[in-house]
C-alpha atoms as a PDB file:
ATOM      1  CA  MET A   1       0.000   0.000   0.000  1.00  0.00           C
ATOM      2  CA  SER A   2       1.407   3.390  -0.997  1.00  0.00           C
ATOM      3  CA  GLU A   3       1.809   6.210   1.478  1.00  0.00           C
ATOM      4  CA  PRO A   4       0.303   9.686   0.868  1.00  0.00           C
ATOM      5  CA  GLY A   5       2.436  11.657  -1.592  1.00  0.00           C
ATOM      6  CA  GLN A   6       4.613   8.645  -2.403  1.00  0.00           C
ATOM      7  CA  THR A   7       5.569   8.247  -6.064  1.00  0.00           C
ATOM      8  CA  PRO A   8       5.312   4.807  -7.698  1.00  0.00           C
ATOM      9  CA  LEU A   9       9.113   4.657  -7.885  1.00  0.00           C
ATOM     10  CA  ASP A  10       9.467   5.503  -4.198  1.00  0.00           C
ATOM     11  CA  ARG A  11       6.908   2.818  -3.435  1.00  0.00           C
ATOM     12  CA  LEU A  12       8.891   0.269  -5.438  1.00  0.00           C
ATOM     13  CA  LEU A  13      12.105   1.174  -3.624  1.00  0.00           C
ATOM     14  CA  SER A  14      10.288   0.873  -0.292  1.00  0.00           C
ATOM     15  CA  ILE A  15       8.862  -2.539  -1.202  1.00  0.00           C
ATOM     16  CA  MET A  16      12.305  -3.813  -2.173  1.00  0.00           C
ATOM     17  CA  ALA A  17      13.806  -2.531   1.077  1.00  0.00           C
ATOM     18  CA  ARG A  18      11.093  -4.353   3.012  1.00  0.00           C
ATOM     19  CA  LEU A  19      11.593  -7.581   1.042  1.00  0.00           C
ATOM     20  CA  ARG A  20      15.312  -7.445   1.819  1.00  0.00           C
ATOM     21  CA  ASP A  21      14.875  -6.646   5.504  1.00  0.00           C
ATOM     22  CA  PRO A  22      17.163  -9.035   7.444  1.00  0.00           C
ATOM     23  CA  GLN A  23      14.547  -9.756  10.128  1.00  0.00           C
ATOM     24  CA  THR A  24      11.132  -9.393   8.493  1.00  0.00           C
ATOM     25  CA  GLY A  25      11.836  -9.676   4.776  1.00  0.00           C
ATOM     26  CA  CYS A  26      11.193 -12.461   2.284  1.00  0.00           C
ATOM     27  CA  GLU A  27      13.519 -15.433   2.701  1.00  0.00           C
ATOM     28  CA  TRP A  28      14.054 -15.804  -1.062  1.00  0.00           C
ATOM     29  CA  ASP A  29      14.697 -12.096  -1.697  1.00  0.00           C
ATOM     30  CA  ARG A  30      17.134 -11.880   1.234  1.00  0.00           C
ATOM     31  CA  ALA A  31      19.125 -14.835  -0.106  1.00  0.00           C
ATOM     32  CA  GLN A  32      19.832 -13.254  -3.503  1.00  0.00           C
ATOM     33  CA  ASP A  33      23.017 -11.518  -4.617  1.00  0.00           C
ATOM     34  CA  PHE A  34      24.268  -9.909  -7.836  1.00  0.00           C
ATOM     35  CA  ALA A  35      25.229 -13.231  -9.412  1.00  0.00           C
ATOM     36  CA  THR A  36      21.964 -15.039  -8.656  1.00  0.00           C
ATOM     37  CA  ILE A  37      19.852 -12.122  -9.907  1.00  0.00           C
ATOM     38  CA  ALA A  38      21.859 -11.503 -13.113  1.00  0.00           C
ATOM     39  CA  PRO A  39      20.191 -14.332 -15.122  1.00  0.00           C
ATOM     40  CA  TYR A  40      16.759 -12.893 -14.306  1.00  0.00           C
ATOM     41  CA  THR A  41      17.934  -9.459 -15.444  1.00  0.00           C
ATOM     42  CA  ILE A  42      18.984 -10.868 -18.815  1.00  0.00           C
ATOM     43  CA  GLU A  43      15.752 -12.858 -19.104  1.00  0.00           C
ATOM     44  CA  GLU A  44      13.613  -9.785 -18.410  1.00  0.00           C
ATOM     45  CA  ALA A  45      15.473  -7.773 -21.062  1.00  0.00           C
ATOM     46  CA  TYR A  46      14.659 -10.474 -23.617  1.00  0.00           C
ATOM     47  CA  GLU A  47      11.027 -10.500 -22.535  1.00  0.00           C
ATOM     48  CA  VAL A  48      10.885  -6.748 -23.125  1.00  0.00           C
ATOM     49  CA  ALA A  49      12.250  -7.321 -26.626  1.00  0.00           C
ATOM     50  CA  ASP A  50       9.715 -10.111 -27.196  1.00  0.00           C
ATOM     51  CA  ALA A  51       6.794  -7.864 -26.199  1.00  0.00           C
ATOM     52  CA  ILE A  52       8.059  -5.206 -28.614  1.00  0.00           C
ATOM     53  CA  ALA A  53       8.402  -7.760 -31.429  1.00  0.00           C
ATOM     54  CA  ARG A  54       4.821  -8.902 -30.834  1.00  0.00           C
ATOM     55  CA  GLY A  55       3.520  -5.317 -30.644  1.00  0.00           C
ATOM     56  CA  ASP A  56       1.854  -6.137 -27.317  1.00  0.00           C
ATOM     57  CA  MET A  57       1.785  -2.859 -25.405  1.00  0.00           C
ATOM     58  CA  ALA A  58       0.110  -4.311 -22.314  1.00  0.00           C
ATOM     59  CA  ALA A  59       2.835  -6.949 -22.104  1.00  0.00           C
ATOM     60  CA  LEU A  60       5.492  -4.315 -22.767  1.00  0.00           C
ATOM     61  CA  ARG A  61       4.242  -2.257 -19.813  1.00  0.00           C
ATOM     62  CA  ASP A  62       4.429  -5.306 -17.550  1.00  0.00           C
ATOM     63  CA  GLU A  63       7.823  -6.438 -18.836  1.00  0.00           C
ATOM     64  CA  LEU A  64       9.306  -2.957 -18.422  1.00  0.00           C
ATOM     65  CA  GLY A  65       8.119  -3.112 -14.822  1.00  0.00           C
ATOM     66  CA  ASP A  66       9.839  -6.462 -14.379  1.00  0.00           C
ATOM     67  CA  LEU A  67      13.025  -5.033 -15.859  1.00  0.00           C
ATOM     68  CA  LEU A  68      12.826  -1.979 -13.603  1.00  0.00           C
ATOM     69  CA  LEU A  69      12.519  -4.331 -10.652  1.00  0.00           C
ATOM     70  CA  GLN A  70      15.846  -5.881 -11.636  1.00  0.00           C
ATOM     71  CA  VAL A  71      17.541  -2.464 -11.538  1.00  0.00           C
ATOM     72  CA  VAL A  72      15.990  -1.724  -8.153  1.00  0.00           C
ATOM     73  CA  PHE A  73      16.998  -5.167  -6.853  1.00  0.00           C
ATOM     74  CA  HIS A  74      20.646  -4.759  -7.886  1.00  0.00           C
ATOM     75  CA  ALA A  75      20.756  -1.223  -6.508  1.00  0.00           C
ATOM     76  CA  ARG A  76      19.349  -2.373  -3.173  1.00  0.00           C
ATOM     77  CA  ILE A  77      21.955  -5.127  -2.841  1.00  0.00           C
ATOM     78  CA  ALA A  78      24.662  -2.578  -3.664  1.00  0.00           C
ATOM     79  CA  GLU A  79      23.304  -0.107  -1.117  1.00  0.00           C
ATOM     80  CA  GLU A  80      23.271  -2.740   1.621  1.00  0.00           C
ATOM     81  CA  ALA A  81      26.926  -3.497   0.842  1.00  0.00           C
ATOM     82  CA  GLY A  82      27.823   0.201   0.949  1.00  0.00           C
ATOM     83  CA  HIS A  83      28.693   0.496  -2.753  1.00  0.00           C
ATOM     84  CA  PHE A  84      26.006   2.838  -4.110  1.00  0.00           C
ATOM     85  CA  ALA A  85      22.266   3.514  -3.967  1.00  0.00           C
ATOM     86  CA  PHE A  86      19.517   3.769  -6.577  1.00  0.00           C
ATOM     87  CA  ASP A  87      19.712   7.576  -6.683  1.00  0.00           C
ATOM     88  CA  GLN A  88      23.379   7.316  -7.646  1.00  0.00           C
ATOM     89  CA  VAL A  89      22.474   4.918 -10.454  1.00  0.00           C
ATOM     90  CA  ALA A  90      19.948   7.433 -11.776  1.00  0.00           C
ATOM     91  CA  GLU A  91      22.381  10.331 -11.340  1.00  0.00           C
ATOM     92  CA  ALA A  92      25.114   8.458 -13.214  1.00  0.00           C
ATOM     93  CA  ILE A  93      22.940   7.786 -16.263  1.00  0.00           C
ATOM     94  CA  CYS A  94      21.682  11.384 -16.260  1.00  0.00           C
ATOM     95  CA  ALA A  95      25.262  12.654 -16.282  1.00  0.00           C
ATOM     96  CA  LYS A  96      26.206  10.186 -19.017  1.00  0.00           C
ATOM     97  CA  LEU A  97      23.295  11.184 -21.253  1.00  0.00           C
ATOM     98  CA  GLU A  98      24.085  14.873 -20.897  1.00  0.00           C
ATOM     99  CA  ALA A  99      27.775  14.273 -21.587  1.00  0.00           C
ATOM    100  CA  ARG A 100      26.999  12.196 -24.676  1.00  0.00           C
ATOM    101  CA  HIS A 101      24.647  14.845 -26.090  1.00  0.00           C
ATOM    102  CA  PRO A 102      26.709  18.040 -25.982  1.00  0.00           C
ATOM    103  CA  HIS A 103      24.795  19.366 -28.997  1.00  0.00           C
ATOM    104  CA  ILE A 104      21.652  19.285 -26.828  1.00  0.00           C
ATOM    105  CA  PHE A 105      22.913  20.045 -23.331  1.00  0.00           C
ATOM    106  CA  GLY A 106      26.115  21.921 -24.152  1.00  0.00           C
ATOM    107  CA  ASP A 107      27.916  23.683 -26.974  1.00  0.00           C
ATOM    108  CA  GLY A 108      28.799  20.664 -29.124  1.00  0.00           C
ATOM    109  CA  ASP A 109      28.955  20.763 -32.918  1.00  0.00           C
ATOM    110  CA  GLU A 110      25.473  20.150 -34.340  1.00  0.00           C
ATOM    111  CA  HIS A 111      26.956  19.136 -37.701  1.00  0.00           C
ATOM    112  CA  THR A 112      28.883  16.148 -36.369  1.00  0.00           C
ATOM    113  CA  SER A 113      26.960  12.914 -36.962  1.00  0.00           C
ATOM    114  CA  GLN A 114      25.355  11.401 -33.879  1.00  0.00           C
ATOM    115  CA  THR A 115      27.119   8.086 -34.490  1.00  0.00           C
ATOM    116  CA  ASP A 116      30.584   9.681 -34.755  1.00  0.00           C
ATOM    117  CA  ARG A 117      29.937  11.899 -31.732  1.00  0.00           C
ATOM    118  CA  TRP A 118      28.623   8.959 -29.665  1.00  0.00           C
ATOM    119  CA  GLU A 119      31.565   6.718 -30.509  1.00  0.00           C
ATOM    120  CA  ALA A 120      34.088   9.482 -29.794  1.00  0.00           C
ATOM    121  CA  LEU A 121      32.541  10.243 -26.418  1.00  0.00           C
ATOM    122  CA  LYS A 122      32.326   6.572 -25.445  1.00  0.00           C
ATOM    123  CA  SER A 123      35.962   6.144 -26.435  1.00  0.00           C
ATOM    124  CA  GLN A 124      36.890   9.081 -24.197  1.00  0.00           C
ATOM    125  CA  GLU A 125      34.896   7.560 -21.325  1.00  0.00           C
ATOM    126  CA  ARG A 126      36.633   4.195 -21.728  1.00  0.00           C
ATOM    127  CA  ALA A 127      40.033   5.891 -21.755  1.00  0.00           C
ATOM    128  CA  ALA A 128      39.132   7.837 -18.623  1.00  0.00           C
ATOM    129  CA  ASN A 129      38.206   4.540 -16.960  1.00  0.00           C
ATOM    130  CA  GLY A 130      41.611   3.057 -17.740  1.00  0.00           C
ATOM    131  CA  ALA A 131      40.904   1.223 -20.985  1.00  0.00           C
ATOM    132  CA  THR A 132      44.044   0.188 -22.854  1.00  0.00           C
ATOM    133  CA  SER A 133      42.402  -1.450 -25.884  1.00  0.00           C
ATOM    134  CA  ALA A 134      39.696  -0.454 -28.341  1.00  0.00           C
ATOM    135  CA  LEU A 135      38.014  -3.732 -27.380  1.00  0.00           C
ATOM    136  CA  ASP A 136      37.842  -3.015 -23.649  1.00  0.00           C
ATOM    137  CA  GLY A 137      34.323  -2.954 -22.258  1.00  0.00           C
ATOM    138  CA  VAL A 138      32.662  -5.343 -24.723  1.00  0.00           C
ATOM    139  CA  ALA A 139      30.675  -7.419 -22.236  1.00  0.00           C
ATOM    140  CA  LEU A 140      31.509 -11.116 -22.019  1.00  0.00           C
ATOM    141  CA  ALA A 141      27.890 -11.914 -21.126  1.00  0.00           C
ATOM    142  CA  LEU A 142      26.518 -10.669 -24.453  1.00  0.00           C
ATOM    143  CA  PRO A 143      25.048 -13.290 -26.801  1.00  0.00           C
ATOM    144  CA  ALA A 144      27.947 -14.610 -28.898  1.00  0.00           C
ATOM    145  CA  LEU A 145      26.550 -13.248 -32.173  1.00  0.00           C
ATOM    146  CA  MET A 146      26.043  -9.774 -30.750  1.00  0.00           C
ATOM    147  CA  ARG A 147      29.452  -9.763 -29.076  1.00  0.00           C
ATOM    148  CA  ALA A 148      31.159 -10.731 -32.339  1.00  0.00           C
ATOM    149  CA  GLU A 149      29.478  -7.814 -34.096  1.00  0.00           C
ATOM    150  CA  LYS A 150      30.480  -5.383 -31.337  1.00  0.00           C
ATOM    151  CA  LEU A 151      34.093  -6.550 -31.403  1.00  0.00           C
ATOM    152  CA  GLN A 152      34.180  -6.090 -35.163  1.00  0.00           C
ATOM    153  CA  LYS A 153      32.642  -2.622 -34.938  1.00  0.00           C
ATOM    154  CA  ARG A 154      35.189  -1.571 -32.316  1.00  0.00           C
ATOM    155  CA  ALA A 155      38.024  -2.864 -34.495  1.00  0.00           C
ATOM    156  CA  ALA A 156      36.556  -1.102 -37.531  1.00  0.00           C
ATOM    157  CA  HIS A 157      36.348   2.169 -35.595  1.00  0.00           C
ATOM    158  CA  ALA A 158      40.077   1.779 -34.909  1.00  0.00           C
ATOM    159  CA  GLY A 159      40.681   1.359 -38.654  1.00  0.00           C
ATOM    160  CA  PHE A 160      40.971  -2.439 -38.792  1.00  0.00           C
ATOM    161  CA  ASP A 161      38.314  -3.478 -41.308  1.00  0.00           C
ATOM    162  CA  TRP A 162      37.774  -4.621 -44.863  1.00  0.00           C
ATOM    163  CA  PRO A 163      37.197  -1.738 -47.325  1.00  0.00           C
ATOM    164  CA  ASP A 164      34.087  -3.436 -48.726  1.00  0.00           C
ATOM    165  CA  ALA A 165      32.034  -6.644 -48.558  1.00  0.00           C
ATOM    166  CA  ALA A 166      34.283  -8.520 -51.017  1.00  0.00           C
ATOM    167  CA  GLY A 167      36.879  -9.199 -48.306  1.00  0.00           C
ATOM    168  CA  PRO A 168      34.549 -10.798 -45.763  1.00  0.00           C
ATOM    169  CA  ALA A 169      32.764 -12.707 -48.556  1.00  0.00           C
ATOM    170  CA  ALA A 170      36.057 -14.311 -49.595  1.00  0.00           C
ATOM    171  CA  LYS A 171      36.851 -14.976 -45.940  1.00  0.00           C
ATOM    172  CA  VAL A 172      33.589 -16.905 -45.508  1.00  0.00           C
ATOM    173  CA  ILE A 173      34.521 -19.185 -48.420  1.00  0.00           C
ATOM    174  CA  GLU A 174      38.030 -19.640 -46.995  1.00  0.00           C
ATOM    175  CA  GLU A 175      36.653 -20.571 -43.569  1.00  0.00           C
ATOM    176  CA  MET A 176      34.178 -23.030 -45.119  1.00  0.00           C
ATOM    177  CA  ASP A 177      37.086 -24.822 -46.788  1.00  0.00           C
ATOM    178  CA  GLU A 178      39.069 -24.861 -43.531  1.00  0.00           C
ATOM    179  CA  LEU A 179      36.118 -26.295 -41.643  1.00  0.00           C
ATOM    180  CA  SER A 180      35.774 -29.062 -44.220  1.00  0.00           C
ATOM    181  CA  ALA A 181      39.466 -29.848 -43.852  1.00  0.00           C
ATOM    182  CA  ALA A 182      39.413 -29.929 -40.039  1.00  0.00           C
ATOM    183  CA  ALA A 183      40.510 -33.272 -38.627  1.00  0.00           C
ATOM    184  CA  SER A 184      40.149 -33.164 -34.852  1.00  0.00           C
ATOM    185  CA  GLU A 185      37.259 -32.084 -32.643  1.00  0.00           C
ATOM    186  CA  ALA A 186      39.277 -29.077 -31.469  1.00  0.00           C
ATOM    187  CA  GLU A 187      39.921 -28.041 -35.083  1.00  0.00           C
ATOM    188  CA  HIS A 188      36.237 -28.409 -35.931  1.00  0.00           C
ATOM    189  CA  ILE A 189      35.273 -26.153 -33.033  1.00  0.00           C
ATOM    190  CA  GLU A 190      37.887 -23.547 -33.923  1.00  0.00           C
ATOM    191  CA  GLU A 191      37.097 -23.494 -37.637  1.00  0.00           C
ATOM    192  CA  ALA A 192      33.352 -23.471 -37.026  1.00  0.00           C
ATOM    193  CA  GLY A 193      33.831 -20.420 -34.816  1.00  0.00           C
ATOM    194  CA  ASP A 194      35.961 -18.727 -37.455  1.00  0.00           C
ATOM    195  CA  LEU A 195      33.265 -19.397 -40.053  1.00  0.00           C
ATOM    196  CA  LEU A 196      30.532 -17.904 -37.881  1.00  0.00           C
ATOM    197  CA  PHE A 197      32.718 -14.899 -37.052  1.00  0.00           C
ATOM    198  CA  ALA A 198      33.397 -14.342 -40.750  1.00  0.00           C
ATOM    199  CA  ALA A 199      29.671 -14.643 -41.541  1.00  0.00           C
ATOM    200  CA  VAL A 200      28.909 -11.962 -38.939  1.00  0.00           C
ATOM    201  CA  ASN A 201      31.468  -9.712 -40.619  1.00  0.00           C
ATOM    202  CA  LEU A 202      29.925 -10.273 -44.059  1.00  0.00           C
ATOM    203  CA  VAL A 203      26.411  -9.564 -42.799  1.00  0.00           C
ATOM    204  CA  ARG A 204      27.644  -6.448 -41.001  1.00  0.00           C
ATOM    205  CA  HIS A 205      29.274  -5.176 -44.193  1.00  0.00           C
ATOM    206  CA  ASN A 206      25.913  -5.502 -45.916  1.00  0.00           C
ATOM    207  CA  GLY A 207      24.431  -3.073 -43.400  1.00  0.00           C
ATOM    208  CA  VAL A 208      22.409  -5.672 -41.524  1.00  0.00           C
ATOM    209  CA  ALA A 209      22.476  -6.375 -37.784  1.00  0.00           C
ATOM    210  CA  PRO A 210      23.423 -10.087 -37.520  1.00  0.00           C
ATOM    211  CA  GLU A 211      21.285 -10.625 -34.410  1.00  0.00           C
ATOM    212  CA  ASP A 212      18.206  -9.236 -36.192  1.00  0.00           C
ATOM    213  CA  ALA A 213      18.936 -11.220 -39.340  1.00  0.00           C
ATOM    214  CA  LEU A 214      19.318 -14.526 -37.504  1.00  0.00           C
ATOM    215  CA  ARG A 215      16.248 -13.847 -35.372  1.00  0.00           C
ATOM    216  CA  THR A 216      14.228 -13.260 -38.565  1.00  0.00           C
ATOM    217  CA  ALA A 217      15.627 -16.405 -40.175  1.00  0.00           C
ATOM    218  CA  SER A 218      14.838 -18.469 -37.074  1.00  0.00           C
ATOM    219  CA  ALA A 219      11.273 -17.159 -37.013  1.00  0.00           C
ATOM    220  CA  LYS A 220      10.872 -18.035 -40.700  1.00  0.00           C
ATOM    221  CA  PHE A 221      12.243 -21.540 -40.143  1.00  0.00           C
ATOM    222  CA  GLU A 222       9.949 -22.091 -37.161  1.00  0.00           C
ATOM    223  CA  ARG A 223       6.941 -20.848 -39.109  1.00  0.00           C
ATOM    224  CA  ARG A 224       7.641 -23.116 -42.081  1.00  0.00           C
ATOM    225  CA  PHE A 225       8.501 -26.148 -39.932  1.00  0.00           C
ATOM    226  CA  ARG A 226       5.227 -25.827 -38.041  1.00  0.00           C
ATOM    227  CA  GLU A 227       3.416 -25.665 -41.389  1.00  0.00           C
ATOM    228  CA  MET A 228       5.184 -28.840 -42.495  1.00  0.00           C
ATOM    229  CA  GLU A 229       3.993 -30.574 -39.339  1.00  0.00           C
ATOM    230  CA  ARG A 230       0.470 -29.267 -39.895  1.00  0.00           C
ATOM    231  CA  ILE A 231       0.356 -30.551 -43.483  1.00  0.00           C
ATOM    232  CA  ALA A 232       1.713 -33.944 -42.472  1.00  0.00           C
ATOM    233  CA  SER A 233      -0.840 -34.238 -39.668  1.00  0.00           C
ATOM    234  CA  ALA A 234      -3.685 -33.225 -41.999  1.00  0.00           C
ATOM    235  CA  GLU A 235      -2.622 -36.039 -44.313  1.00  0.00           C
ATOM    236  CA  GLY A 236      -2.632 -38.515 -41.427  1.00  0.00           C
ATOM    237  CA  LYS A 237       1.160 -38.838 -41.384  1.00  0.00           C
ATOM    238  CA  VAL A 238       3.749 -38.630 -38.602  1.00  0.00           C
ATOM    239  CA  PHE A 239       6.291 -36.044 -39.715  1.00  0.00           C
ATOM    240  CA  ALA A 240       9.268 -37.668 -37.981  1.00  0.00           C
ATOM    241  CA  GLU A 241       8.565 -40.976 -39.769  1.00  0.00           C
ATOM    242  CA  LEU A 242       8.701 -39.450 -43.267  1.00  0.00           C
ATOM    243  CA  SER A 243      11.706 -39.891 -45.550  1.00  0.00           C
ATOM    244  CA  PHE A 244      13.988 -36.957 -46.261  1.00  0.00           C
ATOM    245  CA  ASP A 245      12.487 -36.563 -49.759  1.00  0.00           C
ATOM    246  CA  GLU A 246       8.964 -36.522 -48.313  1.00  0.00           C
ATOM    247  CA  GLN A 247       9.966 -33.948 -45.722  1.00  0.00           C
ATOM    248  CA  GLU A 248      11.652 -31.843 -48.411  1.00  0.00           C
ATOM    249  CA  ALA A 249       8.428 -31.931 -50.432  1.00  0.00           C
ATOM    250  CA  LEU A 250       6.557 -30.647 -47.385  1.00  0.00           C
ATOM    251  CA  TRP A 251       9.158 -27.902 -46.959  1.00  0.00           C
ATOM    252  CA  GLN A 252       8.549 -26.745 -50.526  1.00  0.00           C
ATOM    253  CA  ALA A 253       4.800 -26.901 -49.910  1.00  0.00           C
ATOM    254  CA  ALA A 254       5.183 -24.793 -46.772  1.00  0.00           C
ATOM    255  CA  LYS A 255       7.218 -22.209 -48.694  1.00  0.00           C
ATOM    256  CA  ALA A 256       4.611 -22.106 -51.470  1.00  0.00           C
ATOM    257  CA  SER A 257       1.819 -21.718 -48.915  1.00  0.00           C
ATOM    258  CA  GLU A 258       3.674 -18.816 -47.312  1.00  0.00           C
ATOM    259  CA  ARG A 259       3.901 -17.086 -50.680  1.00  0.00           C
ATOM    260  CA  GLY A 260       0.238 -17.743 -51.396  1.00  0.00           C
ATOM    261  CA  GLU A 261       1.057 -20.181 -54.173  1.00  0.00           C
ATOM    262  CA  SER A 262      -0.309 -23.611 -54.914  1.00  0.00           C
ATOM    263  CA  PRO A 263       2.106 -26.376 -53.900  1.00  0.00           C
END
C-alpha cells in the first residue's frame, strides 16, 4: 500500500527494502546476490524485446516493470553493501546522457553525426576509466553473435576493417574450406567459430544487424517447420517418420503456402 504523496518509484524502492529486511523480509529475496539475480535481469530484457516484437503494449508495460525491478533489486543489494544507492544509479545515467549529447545540453557541434559523436565520447569515457584497448568494455555476457558484431565494430572504428564486402565474402569461403578440412574435434570447433565470425562480418558489411537477421531467419524456419507438421498431420502422417524426400516436399509446400502459391 502506498503512502500519501509517495511516487510509484518511491513505493517500489520501499517494497524492495522491506523484502530485503534481514529480520522481516522475504527469505528468497534476502538470499539473492548480484550473481543469482543476473540471469533474471537478462531474461527480463529479452522479454521486453519479445513484447516489442509482438507489438503487445500491455505486455510491454508489464515487462518494463519487471526489468525496472531488476535495476531496483541490484541497486538495493549494492546499497546494503555500501557500494552505491539507486539515486546514484539514476544520477550516473543522467550525467552520461548529458555528456553524450553536448549538442543538446552543451555547446557541441550540431553538424557532427550522432554516431561519430557517440563513438568518440564513449571512447573518451573508456580511456578515462583506464581502458588500454579499443576492445575493452565489450561485455563477455553478451550473446555470442552480438558480441562478435560489437568486437568487429570496435576494431573497424580503430581502422581495422575490410574496405568493402568482397573481403569478408572471400573470408567466408576460406573458412568453409578450412572447416571441411578440419581433422580433430578441437579443429572443428575452432574453424566453425571462425566461419561464424566471418559470416557476422559479411552480414555487417551488408548493413544488416546479424542478431536481427538470424532472429528473422529463425522465425521463418519455425513458421515453415510448423506448417510442415500441420500438413503432415492433416494427411494422417507422422512427420518424424517421413523420408527426407517426403519432408523436403513438405518444406517446398510450406514455402509455397507462405507465398500464397499452390504447392
